[in-house]
Amino acid sequence: MTALLLDTHAWIWLAAGDSRLKKLERTLNRAAQAKKLLIATISVYEAALIGVETESGRRRGKQAVRMLPTVQQWVRDALAATRVVPMAMEAEIALHAATLHAMHPDPFDRIILATAANCGAILVTADAEMQAFASRAGLGLLEA
């Protein structure tokens, strides 16, 4: 089985039991059982940023998940519950992500794309920009 690398929102959806991943449930479970369900470590950072609330109670990200009791605990619990394998950002991934700057503006997305490429993984995302870029880059893709 080829490894699957979840985009940050797909990992958050998986952890929250979001129905948008229902059609991929069996595939994701098989990958997790085989220890081939991956996330880029930058997704841990991005998810934590998404979950942090400002003093006015607004979250910085677009996700509708309240990360309780704390963002840190929610993320730790999500890592365990989803059985993902975090992939560290090695020097080659950083270099690859940097070269994608002209093609994709979001640094988080560039690192996620470079991680998928480095791992030979299929990218799981609902992000249309990421899907288009992954296709152009020749990466395997599963639409969430």
N, C-alpha and C. Protein backbone atom coordinates (compact mmCIF):
# COMPACT_ATOMS: atom_id res chain seq x y z
N MET A 1 0.84 -1.19 0.00
CA MET A 1 0.00 0.00 0.00
C MET A 1 0.88 1.24 0.00
N THR A 2 0.55 2.18 -0.87
CA THR A 2 1.25 3.45 -0.91
C THR A 2 0.81 4.30 0.27
N ALA A 3 1.75 5.04 0.84
CA ALA A 3 1.44 5.91 1.97
C ALA A 3 0.53 7.05 1.53
N LEU A 4 -0.28 7.52 2.47
CA LEU A 4 -1.15 8.68 2.26
C LEU A 4 -0.69 9.78 3.19
N LEU A 5 -0.56 10.99 2.68
CA LEU A 5 -0.20 12.14 3.50
C LEU A 5 -1.38 13.09 3.56
N LEU A 6 -1.88 13.33 4.76
CA LEU A 6 -3.04 14.19 4.94
C LEU A 6 -2.64 15.67 4.97
N ASP A 7 -3.36 16.48 4.22
CA ASP A 7 -3.25 17.92 4.36
C ASP A 7 -3.78 18.26 5.76
N THR A 8 -3.41 19.41 6.28
CA THR A 8 -3.78 19.78 7.65
C THR A 8 -5.27 19.70 7.89
N HIS A 9 -6.07 20.27 6.99
CA HIS A 9 -7.52 20.26 7.21
C HIS A 9 -8.07 18.83 7.18
N ALA A 10 -7.50 17.98 6.33
CA ALA A 10 -7.98 16.59 6.26
C ALA A 10 -7.68 15.87 7.58
N TRP A 11 -6.52 16.16 8.17
CA TRP A 11 -6.18 15.55 9.46
C TRP A 11 -7.13 16.06 10.55
N ILE A 12 -7.41 17.35 10.56
CA ILE A 12 -8.34 17.92 11.55
C ILE A 12 -9.72 17.28 11.36
N TRP A 13 -10.17 17.16 10.13
CA TRP A 13 -11.47 16.53 9.86
C TRP A 13 -11.49 15.09 10.36
N LEU A 14 -10.41 14.36 10.11
CA LEU A 14 -10.33 12.97 10.56
C LEU A 14 -10.41 12.90 12.08
N ALA A 15 -9.66 13.75 12.75
CA ALA A 15 -9.66 13.76 14.22
C ALA A 15 -11.02 14.14 14.79
N ALA A 16 -11.73 15.02 14.10
CA ALA A 16 -13.03 15.51 14.57
C ALA A 16 -14.19 14.62 14.13
N GLY A 17 -13.90 13.59 13.32
CA GLY A 17 -14.97 12.72 12.83
C GLY A 17 -15.86 13.39 11.81
N ASP A 18 -15.31 14.32 11.06
CA ASP A 18 -16.08 15.09 10.09
C ASP A 18 -16.57 14.19 8.95
N SER A 19 -17.82 14.35 8.56
CA SER A 19 -18.43 13.51 7.53
C SER A 19 -17.83 13.72 6.15
N ARG A 20 -17.07 14.79 5.95
CA ARG A 20 -16.47 15.04 4.63
C ARG A 20 -15.45 13.98 4.25
N LEU A 21 -14.99 13.19 5.21
CA LEU A 21 -14.04 12.13 4.91
C LEU A 21 -14.70 10.75 4.86
N LYS A 22 -16.01 10.69 4.93
CA LYS A 22 -16.74 9.42 4.98
C LYS A 22 -16.37 8.52 3.80
N LYS A 23 -16.29 9.09 2.60
CA LYS A 23 -16.01 8.26 1.42
C LYS A 23 -14.60 7.69 1.43
N LEU A 24 -13.70 8.25 2.24
CA LEU A 24 -12.33 7.77 2.32
C LEU A 24 -12.06 6.95 3.59
N GLU A 25 -13.09 6.75 4.40
CA GLU A 25 -12.92 6.13 5.71
C GLU A 25 -12.18 4.79 5.65
N ARG A 26 -12.59 3.90 4.78
CA ARG A 26 -11.98 2.57 4.69
C ARG A 26 -10.51 2.69 4.26
N THR A 27 -10.24 3.52 3.27
CA THR A 27 -8.87 3.72 2.78
C THR A 27 -7.98 4.29 3.87
N LEU A 28 -8.48 5.27 4.60
CA LEU A 28 -7.70 5.90 5.67
C LEU A 28 -7.44 4.91 6.81
N ASN A 29 -8.43 4.10 7.14
CA ASN A 29 -8.25 3.10 8.20
C ASN A 29 -7.20 2.06 7.81
N ARG A 30 -7.25 1.61 6.56
CA ARG A 30 -6.25 0.64 6.10
C ARG A 30 -4.84 1.24 6.15
N ALA A 31 -4.73 2.48 5.73
CA ALA A 31 -3.42 3.14 5.77
C ALA A 31 -2.92 3.29 7.20
N ALA A 32 -3.81 3.66 8.11
CA ALA A 32 -3.43 3.81 9.52
C ALA A 32 -2.98 2.47 10.10
N GLN A 33 -3.71 1.41 9.80
CA GLN A 33 -3.33 0.08 10.29
C GLN A 33 -1.96 -0.35 9.77
N ALA A 34 -1.64 0.05 8.55
CA ALA A 34 -0.35 -0.30 7.95
C ALA A 34 0.75 0.70 8.32
N LYS A 35 0.42 1.67 9.17
CA LYS A 35 1.35 2.74 9.56
C LYS A 35 1.82 3.53 8.35
N LYS A 36 0.88 3.74 7.43
CA LYS A 36 1.17 4.50 6.21
C LYS A 36 0.24 5.69 6.06
N LEU A 37 -0.31 6.15 7.18
CA LEU A 37 -1.11 7.37 7.19
C LEU A 37 -0.23 8.45 7.81
N LEU A 38 0.19 9.39 6.99
CA LEU A 38 1.21 10.35 7.37
C LEU A 38 0.66 11.77 7.46
N ILE A 39 1.36 12.59 8.25
CA ILE A 39 1.17 14.04 8.19
C ILE A 39 2.56 14.67 8.24
N ALA A 40 2.67 15.82 7.65
CA ALA A 40 3.89 16.61 7.77
C ALA A 40 3.88 17.23 9.16
N THR A 41 5.02 17.31 9.82
CA THR A 41 5.04 17.91 11.16
C THR A 41 4.59 19.36 11.13
N ILE A 42 4.72 20.02 10.01
CA ILE A 42 4.23 21.40 9.92
C ILE A 42 2.72 21.43 10.13
N SER A 43 2.02 20.33 9.85
CA SER A 43 0.57 20.28 10.08
C SER A 43 0.23 20.33 11.56
N VAL A 44 1.11 19.80 12.41
CA VAL A 44 0.89 19.91 13.86
C VAL A 44 0.93 21.39 14.25
N TYR A 45 1.92 22.09 13.74
CA TYR A 45 2.06 23.53 14.01
C TYR A 45 0.86 24.30 13.45
N GLU A 46 0.50 24.01 12.21
CA GLU A 46 -0.62 24.72 11.58
C GLU A 46 -1.93 24.44 12.31
N ALA A 47 -2.16 23.20 12.70
CA ALA A 47 -3.39 22.86 13.43
C ALA A 47 -3.44 23.61 14.76
N ALA A 48 -2.32 23.68 15.45
CA ALA A 48 -2.29 24.41 16.72
C ALA A 48 -2.59 25.89 16.49
N LEU A 49 -2.05 26.47 15.43
CA LEU A 49 -2.36 27.87 15.12
C LEU A 49 -3.84 28.06 14.82
N ILE A 50 -4.42 27.10 14.10
CA ILE A 50 -5.84 27.16 13.77
C ILE A 50 -6.68 27.13 15.04
N GLY A 51 -6.26 26.33 16.01
CA GLY A 51 -7.04 26.16 17.23
C GLY A 51 -6.90 27.26 18.25
N VAL A 52 -5.84 28.04 18.15
CA VAL A 52 -5.61 29.10 19.14
C VAL A 52 -6.65 30.20 18.97
N GLU A 53 -7.25 30.57 20.07
CA GLU A 53 -8.23 31.65 20.02
C GLU A 53 -7.57 32.97 20.43
N THR A 54 -8.03 34.02 19.81
CA THR A 54 -7.55 35.34 20.20
C THR A 54 -8.23 35.73 21.51
N GLU A 55 -7.82 36.83 22.07
CA GLU A 55 -8.43 37.27 23.33
C GLU A 55 -9.92 37.53 23.18
N SER A 56 -10.36 37.84 21.98
CA SER A 56 -11.79 38.09 21.77
C SER A 56 -12.57 36.79 21.52
N GLY A 57 -11.87 35.63 21.58
CA GLY A 57 -12.54 34.35 21.41
C GLY A 57 -12.66 33.88 19.98
N ARG A 58 -12.03 34.57 19.05
CA ARG A 58 -12.08 34.15 17.65
C ARG A 58 -10.87 33.31 17.32
N ARG A 59 -11.10 32.28 16.51
CA ARG A 59 -9.99 31.44 16.07
C ARG A 59 -9.36 32.06 14.84
N ARG A 60 -8.07 31.82 14.69
CA ARG A 60 -7.32 32.38 13.56
C ARG A 60 -7.57 31.63 12.26
N GLY A 61 -7.96 30.38 12.34
CA GLY A 61 -8.13 29.58 11.14
C GLY A 61 -9.57 29.47 10.70
N LYS A 62 -9.79 28.75 9.62
CA LYS A 62 -11.12 28.60 9.06
C LYS A 62 -11.85 27.37 9.60
N GLN A 63 -11.14 26.47 10.27
CA GLN A 63 -11.74 25.23 10.73
C GLN A 63 -12.73 25.50 11.86
N ALA A 64 -13.81 24.75 11.88
CA ALA A 64 -14.87 24.94 12.87
C ALA A 64 -14.73 23.94 14.02
N VAL A 65 -13.50 23.63 14.40
CA VAL A 65 -13.27 22.67 15.47
C VAL A 65 -12.78 23.43 16.69
N ARG A 66 -13.48 23.24 17.79
CA ARG A 66 -13.02 23.83 19.05
C ARG A 66 -12.08 22.83 19.68
N MET A 67 -10.86 23.22 19.88
CA MET A 67 -9.84 22.32 20.37
C MET A 67 -9.77 22.41 21.90
N LEU A 68 -10.54 21.51 22.53
CA LEU A 68 -10.65 21.53 23.99
C LEU A 68 -10.14 20.23 24.58
N PRO A 69 -9.67 20.19 25.80
CA PRO A 69 -9.68 21.27 26.80
C PRO A 69 -8.66 22.36 26.51
N THR A 70 -7.55 22.01 25.86
CA THR A 70 -6.59 23.01 25.39
C THR A 70 -6.19 22.60 23.98
N VAL A 71 -5.64 23.54 23.26
CA VAL A 71 -5.16 23.24 21.91
C VAL A 71 -4.09 22.15 21.97
N GLN A 72 -3.17 22.29 22.90
CA GLN A 72 -2.09 21.31 23.01
C GLN A 72 -2.63 19.91 23.27
N GLN A 73 -3.58 19.79 24.19
CA GLN A 73 -4.14 18.47 24.50
C GLN A 73 -4.95 17.92 23.34
N TRP A 74 -5.71 18.77 22.68
CA TRP A 74 -6.50 18.33 21.53
C TRP A 74 -5.58 17.78 20.45
N VAL A 75 -4.50 18.49 20.16
CA VAL A 75 -3.57 18.05 19.11
C VAL A 75 -2.91 16.73 19.52
N ARG A 76 -2.47 16.62 20.76
CA ARG A 76 -1.87 15.36 21.23
C ARG A 76 -2.87 14.20 21.11
N ASP A 77 -4.10 14.44 21.53
CA ASP A 77 -5.13 13.41 21.44
C ASP A 77 -5.41 13.05 19.97
N ALA A 78 -5.43 14.06 19.10
CA ALA A 78 -5.68 13.84 17.67
C ALA A 78 -4.56 13.00 17.04
N LEU A 79 -3.33 13.26 17.43
CA LEU A 79 -2.21 12.47 16.91
C LEU A 79 -2.39 10.99 17.26
N ALA A 80 -2.77 10.74 18.51
CA ALA A 80 -2.94 9.34 18.95
C ALA A 80 -4.18 8.71 18.31
N ALA A 81 -5.29 9.42 18.31
CA ALA A 81 -6.55 8.86 17.83
C ALA A 81 -6.54 8.56 16.33
N THR A 82 -5.88 9.39 15.56
CA THR A 82 -5.88 9.21 14.11
C THR A 82 -4.78 8.25 13.64
N ARG A 83 -3.88 7.90 14.52
CA ARG A 83 -2.80 6.96 14.23
C ARG A 83 -1.92 7.40 13.06
N VAL A 84 -1.76 8.72 12.92
CA VAL A 84 -0.90 9.24 11.86
C VAL A 84 0.56 9.13 12.28
N VAL A 85 1.41 9.07 11.28
CA VAL A 85 2.85 9.07 11.51
C VAL A 85 3.37 10.44 11.08
N PRO A 86 3.83 11.26 12.04
CA PRO A 86 4.37 12.58 11.67
C PRO A 86 5.71 12.43 10.93
N MET A 87 5.83 13.12 9.83
CA MET A 87 7.05 13.09 9.02
C MET A 87 7.81 14.39 9.26
N ALA A 88 9.01 14.25 9.80
CA ALA A 88 9.84 15.41 10.12
C ALA A 88 10.26 16.14 8.86
N MET A 89 10.46 17.45 9.00
CA MET A 89 10.92 18.24 7.87
C MET A 89 12.44 18.16 7.81
N GLU A 90 12.93 17.32 6.93
CA GLU A 90 14.35 17.16 6.71
C GLU A 90 14.85 18.26 5.78
N ALA A 91 16.15 18.37 5.68
CA ALA A 91 16.75 19.41 4.84
C ALA A 91 16.27 19.33 3.40
N GLU A 92 16.15 18.13 2.85
CA GLU A 92 15.70 18.00 1.46
C GLU A 92 14.27 18.50 1.28
N ILE A 93 13.43 18.25 2.28
CA ILE A 93 12.05 18.74 2.21
C ILE A 93 12.05 20.26 2.24
N ALA A 94 12.85 20.84 3.13
CA ALA A 94 12.93 22.30 3.22
C ALA A 94 13.41 22.91 1.91
N LEU A 95 14.43 22.31 1.32
CA LEU A 95 14.94 22.81 0.04
C LEU A 95 13.90 22.69 -1.07
N HIS A 96 13.23 21.55 -1.11
CA HIS A 96 12.19 21.35 -2.13
C HIS A 96 11.06 22.36 -1.95
N ALA A 97 10.63 22.55 -0.71
CA ALA A 97 9.55 23.51 -0.43
C ALA A 97 9.95 24.92 -0.85
N ALA A 98 11.20 25.28 -0.61
CA ALA A 98 11.66 26.62 -0.98
C ALA A 98 11.62 26.82 -2.49
N THR A 99 11.91 25.77 -3.25
CA THR A 99 11.90 25.91 -4.71
C THR A 99 10.49 25.99 -5.28
N LEU A 100 9.51 25.64 -4.47
CA LEU A 100 8.11 25.72 -4.92
C LEU A 100 7.53 27.12 -4.73
N HIS A 101 8.29 28.03 -4.17
CA HIS A 101 7.79 29.37 -3.83
C HIS A 101 7.14 30.08 -5.01
N ALA A 102 7.75 29.99 -6.17
CA ALA A 102 7.20 30.69 -7.34
C ALA A 102 5.89 30.07 -7.82
N MET A 103 5.65 28.81 -7.44
CA MET A 103 4.47 28.11 -7.95
C MET A 103 3.31 28.08 -6.97
N HIS A 104 3.59 28.22 -5.67
CA HIS A 104 2.53 28.13 -4.68
C HIS A 104 2.85 29.09 -3.53
N PRO A 105 1.95 30.01 -3.21
CA PRO A 105 2.28 31.08 -2.26
C PRO A 105 2.29 30.69 -0.77
N ASP A 106 1.57 29.66 -0.37
CA ASP A 106 1.42 29.33 1.04
C ASP A 106 2.58 28.46 1.52
N PRO A 107 3.39 28.94 2.48
CA PRO A 107 4.54 28.15 2.92
C PRO A 107 4.14 26.83 3.59
N PHE A 108 3.03 26.80 4.31
CA PHE A 108 2.58 25.54 4.92
C PHE A 108 2.27 24.52 3.83
N ASP A 109 1.54 24.96 2.82
CA ASP A 109 1.18 24.06 1.71
C ASP A 109 2.42 23.57 0.97
N ARG A 110 3.40 24.46 0.76
CA ARG A 110 4.62 24.06 0.06
C ARG A 110 5.35 22.97 0.83
N ILE A 111 5.41 23.11 2.16
CA ILE A 111 6.09 22.10 2.97
C ILE A 111 5.31 20.78 2.93
N ILE A 112 3.99 20.85 2.99
CA ILE A 112 3.17 19.64 2.91
C ILE A 112 3.36 18.95 1.56
N LEU A 113 3.34 19.72 0.49
CA LEU A 113 3.57 19.17 -0.86
C LEU A 113 4.96 18.54 -0.97
N ALA A 114 5.96 19.23 -0.47
CA ALA A 114 7.33 18.71 -0.53
C ALA A 114 7.47 17.44 0.31
N THR A 115 6.78 17.39 1.44
CA THR A 115 6.82 16.20 2.28
C THR A 115 6.19 15.01 1.55
N ALA A 116 5.05 15.23 0.93
CA ALA A 116 4.40 14.16 0.16
C ALA A 116 5.33 13.66 -0.94
N ALA A 117 5.95 14.57 -1.64
CA ALA A 117 6.86 14.19 -2.72
C ALA A 117 8.05 13.41 -2.17
N ASN A 118 8.62 13.88 -1.08
CA ASN A 118 9.79 13.23 -0.49
C ASN A 118 9.47 11.81 0.00
N CYS A 119 8.25 11.63 0.51
CA CYS A 119 7.83 10.32 1.04
C CYS A 119 7.26 9.41 -0.04
N GLY A 120 7.04 9.94 -1.25
CA GLY A 120 6.39 9.16 -2.29
C GLY A 120 4.95 8.86 -1.93
N ALA A 121 4.33 9.77 -1.18
CA ALA A 121 2.97 9.56 -0.67
C ALA A 121 1.93 10.21 -1.57
N ILE A 122 0.73 9.70 -1.48
CA ILE A 122 -0.44 10.29 -2.14
C ILE A 122 -0.97 11.37 -1.21
N LEU A 123 -1.21 12.54 -1.74
CA LEU A 123 -1.72 13.66 -0.96
C LEU A 123 -3.24 13.57 -0.83
N VAL A 124 -3.74 13.75 0.40
CA VAL A 124 -5.19 13.76 0.66
C VAL A 124 -5.56 15.18 1.03
N THR A 125 -6.33 15.84 0.16
CA THR A 125 -6.69 17.24 0.40
C THR A 125 -8.00 17.58 -0.29
N ALA A 126 -8.69 18.57 0.26
CA ALA A 126 -9.89 19.12 -0.37
C ALA A 126 -9.57 20.50 -0.96
N ASP A 127 -8.37 20.97 -0.77
CA ASP A 127 -7.95 22.30 -1.22
C ASP A 127 -7.72 22.27 -2.74
N ALA A 128 -8.53 23.04 -3.47
CA ALA A 128 -8.46 23.04 -4.94
C ALA A 128 -7.10 23.49 -5.45
N GLU A 129 -6.49 24.47 -4.80
CA GLU A 129 -5.16 24.92 -5.22
C GLU A 129 -4.12 23.82 -5.03
N MET A 130 -4.20 23.14 -3.89
CA MET A 130 -3.27 22.04 -3.62
C MET A 130 -3.49 20.91 -4.62
N GLN A 131 -4.74 20.62 -4.94
CA GLN A 131 -5.04 19.56 -5.90
C GLN A 131 -4.46 19.89 -7.26
N ALA A 132 -4.65 21.13 -7.70
CA ALA A 132 -4.13 21.55 -9.01
C ALA A 132 -2.61 21.47 -9.03
N PHE A 133 -1.99 21.96 -7.97
CA PHE A 133 -0.54 21.94 -7.92
C PHE A 133 -0.01 20.51 -7.87
N ALA A 134 -0.64 19.67 -7.05
CA ALA A 134 -0.21 18.28 -6.95
C ALA A 134 -0.29 17.58 -8.30
N SER A 135 -1.35 17.86 -9.04
CA SER A 135 -1.50 17.27 -10.38
C SER A 135 -0.38 17.74 -11.30
N ARG A 136 -0.11 19.04 -11.29
CA ARG A 136 0.96 19.58 -12.13
C ARG A 136 2.33 19.01 -11.75
N ALA A 137 2.51 18.75 -10.46
CA ALA A 137 3.79 18.25 -9.96
C ALA A 137 3.91 16.74 -10.10
N GLY A 138 2.85 16.08 -10.54
CA GLY A 138 2.88 14.64 -10.72
C GLY A 138 2.72 13.85 -9.44
N LEU A 139 2.19 14.48 -8.40
CA LEU A 139 1.94 13.77 -7.14
C LEU A 139 0.63 13.01 -7.22
N GLY A 140 0.59 11.87 -6.54
CA GLY A 140 -0.67 11.14 -6.42
C GLY A 140 -1.62 11.97 -5.56
N LEU A 141 -2.90 11.85 -5.81
CA LEU A 141 -3.88 12.70 -5.16
C LEU A 141 -5.16 11.94 -4.83
N LEU A 142 -5.66 12.13 -3.61
CA LEU A 142 -6.99 11.68 -3.21
C LEU A 142 -7.75 12.92 -2.77
N GLU A 143 -8.88 13.17 -3.42
CA GLU A 143 -9.66 14.35 -3.07
C GLU A 143 -10.52 14.05 -1.85
N ALA A 144 -10.38 14.89 -0.84
CA ALA A 144 -11.17 14.75 0.39
C ALA A 144 -12.50 15.44 0.22
